[in-house]
Protein backbone atom coordinates (compact mmCIF):
# COMPACT_ATOMS: atom_id res chain seq x y z
CA MET A 1 7.48 -34.73 15.24
CA ARG A 2 4.39 -32.38 17.50
CA ALA A 3 4.78 -35.29 20.33
CA ARG A 4 8.33 -34.74 20.31
CA THR A 5 8.92 -31.08 19.91
CA PRO A 6 5.86 -29.19 20.43
CA ASP A 7 7.72 -25.97 18.99
CA ALA A 8 9.27 -26.98 16.00
CA ARG A 9 8.58 -24.57 12.83
CA PHE A 10 8.99 -26.64 9.75
CA ILE A 11 7.86 -26.34 5.48
CA LEU A 12 5.95 -29.00 3.47
CA MET A 13 7.15 -29.41 0.61
CA THR A 14 6.38 -32.30 -2.19
CA ASN A 15 4.43 -32.16 -4.95
CA PRO A 16 0.66 -30.91 -5.73
CA THR A 17 -1.11 -33.85 -5.55
CA THR A 18 0.46 -35.45 -1.96
CA ALA A 19 -0.11 -31.49 -0.96
CA ARG A 20 -3.48 -30.90 -2.04
CA ALA A 21 -4.16 -34.77 0.21
CA VAL A 22 -2.20 -34.22 2.76
CA ARG A 23 -3.08 -29.84 3.45
CA PRO A 24 -6.35 -29.87 6.02
CA GLU A 25 -4.14 -32.59 8.03
CA VAL A 26 -1.06 -30.42 7.79
CA ASP A 27 -2.43 -27.07 8.17
CA ALA A 28 -3.77 -27.88 11.93
CA LEU A 29 -0.14 -28.44 12.72
CA GLY A 30 1.04 -24.58 11.80
CA PRO A 31 3.46 -25.50 8.68
CA ILE A 32 5.67 -22.10 7.69
CA CYS A 33 3.87 -22.31 4.38
CA PHE A 34 3.66 -25.25 2.44
CA LEU A 35 6.15 -25.42 -1.78
CA GLU A 36 5.48 -27.76 -4.56
CA LYS A 37 7.90 -29.38 -6.25
CA PRO A 38 10.29 -28.69 -8.62
CA LEU A 39 11.40 -26.27 -5.92
CA ASP A 40 13.39 -23.13 -7.30
CA LEU A 41 16.47 -22.36 -5.18
CA ALA A 42 15.99 -19.40 -4.65
CA VAL A 43 12.06 -19.43 -3.83
CA LEU A 44 13.59 -21.83 -0.98
CA GLU A 45 16.22 -19.58 -0.12
CA ARG A 46 13.52 -15.90 0.90
CA VAL A 47 11.22 -18.50 3.01
CA LEU A 48 14.08 -20.44 4.93
CA ARG A 49 16.87 -16.99 5.21
CA PRO A 50 13.61 -14.82 7.72
CA GLU A 51 14.10 -18.30 10.13
CA LEU A 52 17.23 -18.93 10.18
CA GLU A 53 18.32 -15.20 10.87
CA PRO A 54 18.81 -14.21 14.25
CA GLY A 55 16.06 -12.12 15.43
CA GLN A 56 17.36 -8.03 15.89
CA ILE A 57 15.27 -5.51 18.52
CA ALA A 58 16.46 -2.99 15.46
CA PRO A 59 17.75 -3.44 12.40
CA PRO A 60 20.82 -2.17 11.41
CA GLY A 61 20.20 2.06 10.28
CA ARG A 62 16.51 1.47 11.23
CA ALA A 63 14.59 3.27 13.74
CA GLY A 64 11.69 0.79 14.96
CA PHE A 65 10.49 -1.94 16.34
CA SER A 66 11.11 -4.92 14.25
CA ALA A 67 8.91 -8.19 14.42
CA ALA A 68 7.64 -11.73 13.49
CA ILE A 69 3.97 -11.72 12.83
CA HIS A 70 3.11 -15.64 12.39
CA GLU A 71 -0.65 -16.11 11.60
CA THR A 72 -1.44 -13.46 9.72
CA ASP A 73 -2.99 -12.57 6.13
CA PRO A 74 -1.36 -10.51 3.46
CA ILE A 75 -4.12 -7.58 4.21
CA SER A 76 -4.04 -7.54 7.71
CA ILE A 77 0.26 -6.88 7.42
CA LEU A 78 -0.49 -4.48 4.76
CA GLN A 79 -3.02 -2.10 6.89
CA LEU A 80 -0.79 -2.11 9.99
CA LYS A 81 1.68 -0.73 7.56
CA CYS A 82 -0.27 1.94 5.97
CA LEU A 83 -1.68 3.01 9.57
CA GLY A 84 1.91 3.28 10.34
CA ARG A 85 1.76 5.03 7.47
CA ALA A 86 5.39 3.52 5.83
CA CYS A 87 7.28 3.81 2.90
CA THR A 88 8.48 0.55 2.63
CA GLU A 89 8.60 -1.96 0.05
CA ILE A 90 6.86 -5.83 1.48
CA GLU A 91 7.49 -9.18 -1.18
CA PHE A 92 4.55 -11.83 -0.52
CA LEU A 93 5.57 -15.80 -0.93
CA ASN A 94 3.07 -17.81 -1.28
CA ALA A 95 3.02 -20.95 -0.76
CA ARG A 96 3.65 -22.16 -4.76
CA GLY A 97 6.62 -20.29 -4.43
CA GLU A 98 4.75 -16.90 -5.96
CA LEU A 99 6.80 -13.69 -5.07
CA GLY A 100 4.30 -10.47 -5.31
CA ARG A 101 5.74 -7.11 -4.32
CA VAL A 102 3.88 -3.68 -2.92
CA THR A 103 5.57 -0.95 -2.95
CA LEU A 104 4.81 1.81 -0.37
CA HIS A 105 4.92 5.93 0.59
CA ASN A 106 3.89 7.75 3.35
CA GLY A 107 1.42 4.91 4.14
CA ASP A 108 -0.18 4.57 0.53
CA ILE A 109 -0.41 1.48 -1.72
CA ILE A 110 1.50 3.14 -4.84
CA ARG A 111 2.39 -0.11 -7.04
CA ALA A 112 1.96 -4.07 -6.92
CA GLU A 113 3.28 -6.46 -8.70
CA ALA A 114 2.29 -10.50 -8.49
CA PRO A 115 3.17 -13.06 -11.01
CA GLY A 116 1.40 -11.99 -14.51
CA ALA A 117 -0.17 -8.54 -13.02
CA SER A 118 0.56 -5.27 -12.24
CA GLY A 119 -2.28 -2.44 -9.88
CA ILE A 120 -5.12 -3.73 -8.45
CA ALA A 121 -5.32 -7.05 -9.66
CA ALA A 122 -1.74 -7.87 -8.87
CA LEU A 123 -2.82 -6.57 -5.10
CA ALA A 124 -6.51 -8.66 -5.02
CA LYS A 125 -3.92 -11.86 -5.71
CA MET A 126 -1.68 -11.33 -3.14
CA VAL A 127 -4.62 -10.91 -0.67
CA ALA A 128 -6.25 -14.15 -1.46
CA TRP A 129 -2.95 -15.71 -0.86
CA LYS A 130 -3.77 -17.91 2.19
CA ASP A 131 -0.29 -19.16 3.01
CA GLY A 132 2.69 -17.73 2.37
CA ALA A 133 5.58 -15.47 4.42
CA ALA A 134 6.53 -11.76 3.91
CA ARG A 135 8.66 -9.68 4.40
CA GLU A 136 10.10 -6.22 4.33
CA ILE A 137 12.86 -5.53 1.92
CA PRO A 138 14.63 -2.22 0.79
CA PRO A 139 12.38 -0.25 -0.88
CA ALA A 140 14.01 0.26 -4.11
CA ASN A 141 14.09 4.32 -5.48
CA ALA A 142 11.31 3.95 -8.03
CA GLY A 143 9.83 7.12 -7.47
CA THR A 144 6.71 7.94 -5.21
CA THR A 145 3.74 8.22 -8.07
CA ASN A 146 0.67 6.27 -6.35
CA GLU A 147 0.41 3.89 -9.88
CA LEU A 148 -3.14 2.68 -8.26
CA GLY A 149 -4.36 5.97 -8.06
CA MET A 150 -6.31 6.00 -4.58
CA GLY A 151 -6.09 6.09 -1.29
CA TRP A 152 -4.67 2.45 0.68
CA GLU A 153 -8.03 2.23 2.04
CA MET A 154 -9.93 1.92 -1.31
CA ALA A 155 -7.05 -0.39 -2.68
CA LEU A 156 -7.60 -2.70 0.07
CA MET A 157 -11.22 -2.77 -0.17
CA GLU A 158 -11.14 -2.78 -4.24
CA ALA A 159 -7.90 -5.56 -4.19
CA THR A 160 -10.24 -7.55 -1.17
CA ARG A 161 -13.62 -7.62 -3.58
CA LEU A 162 -11.73 -8.75 -6.87
CA ALA A 163 -9.90 -11.64 -5.26
CA ASP A 164 -13.18 -12.71 -3.20
CA GLU A 165 -14.96 -12.51 -7.29
CA GLY A 166 -11.78 -14.88 -8.28
CA ALA A 167 -13.01 -17.31 -5.30
CA HIS A 168 -16.59 -17.41 -6.30
CA GLY A 169 -15.75 -17.04 -10.05
CA ALA A 170 -17.67 -13.90 -10.77
C-alpha cells in the first residue's frame, strides 16, 4: 500500500490476537488508529468522520485556526488547549474504541470522564493512551466548577504520575 500510495491514511481493524501480532510492523506505517473486533459502528463513525469531512479554514461560528494534528498524544493536546485558555470539550477515542472526555474552562481542566473512571483517574487513563483520535466538540452547558480541584498543570502532572505508576504496576 505504501509503495503505491505513500500518503494513504488507514485504520487497522482486526481481532485482538492478530492486532498484537502485527502491531509493531504496522505501527511503522502510521495508521490513524487500531480498532479491535467486535466493532461498534458508532465508534467507527467517530474515528472516520474527522478523516472524511473536508477541513475548513474556520469552523462555522468560531474564530481562530482549525487544525488536524497527527503523531501526538493526549497530554500534548491538552497542554496546547490549556495554554490557549480554552473553554471547550475534547473527546479522546483510543484504539480499543474507548471514549474519554475532558472539559476545559478558561484553560483549566475542570472535568474528565473515561470508561469506569472520572476526575484525575479518568485523566490518567487518557494520558496513557498511545493510539487513537481526538476531536474538539462544543462544550455541554455543565457548569464551570473545577471538579478536579487543582490547576491544569498540577492535574496533568498528577495524571501522568498515576498513568506511569499504572504502567509499572505500582
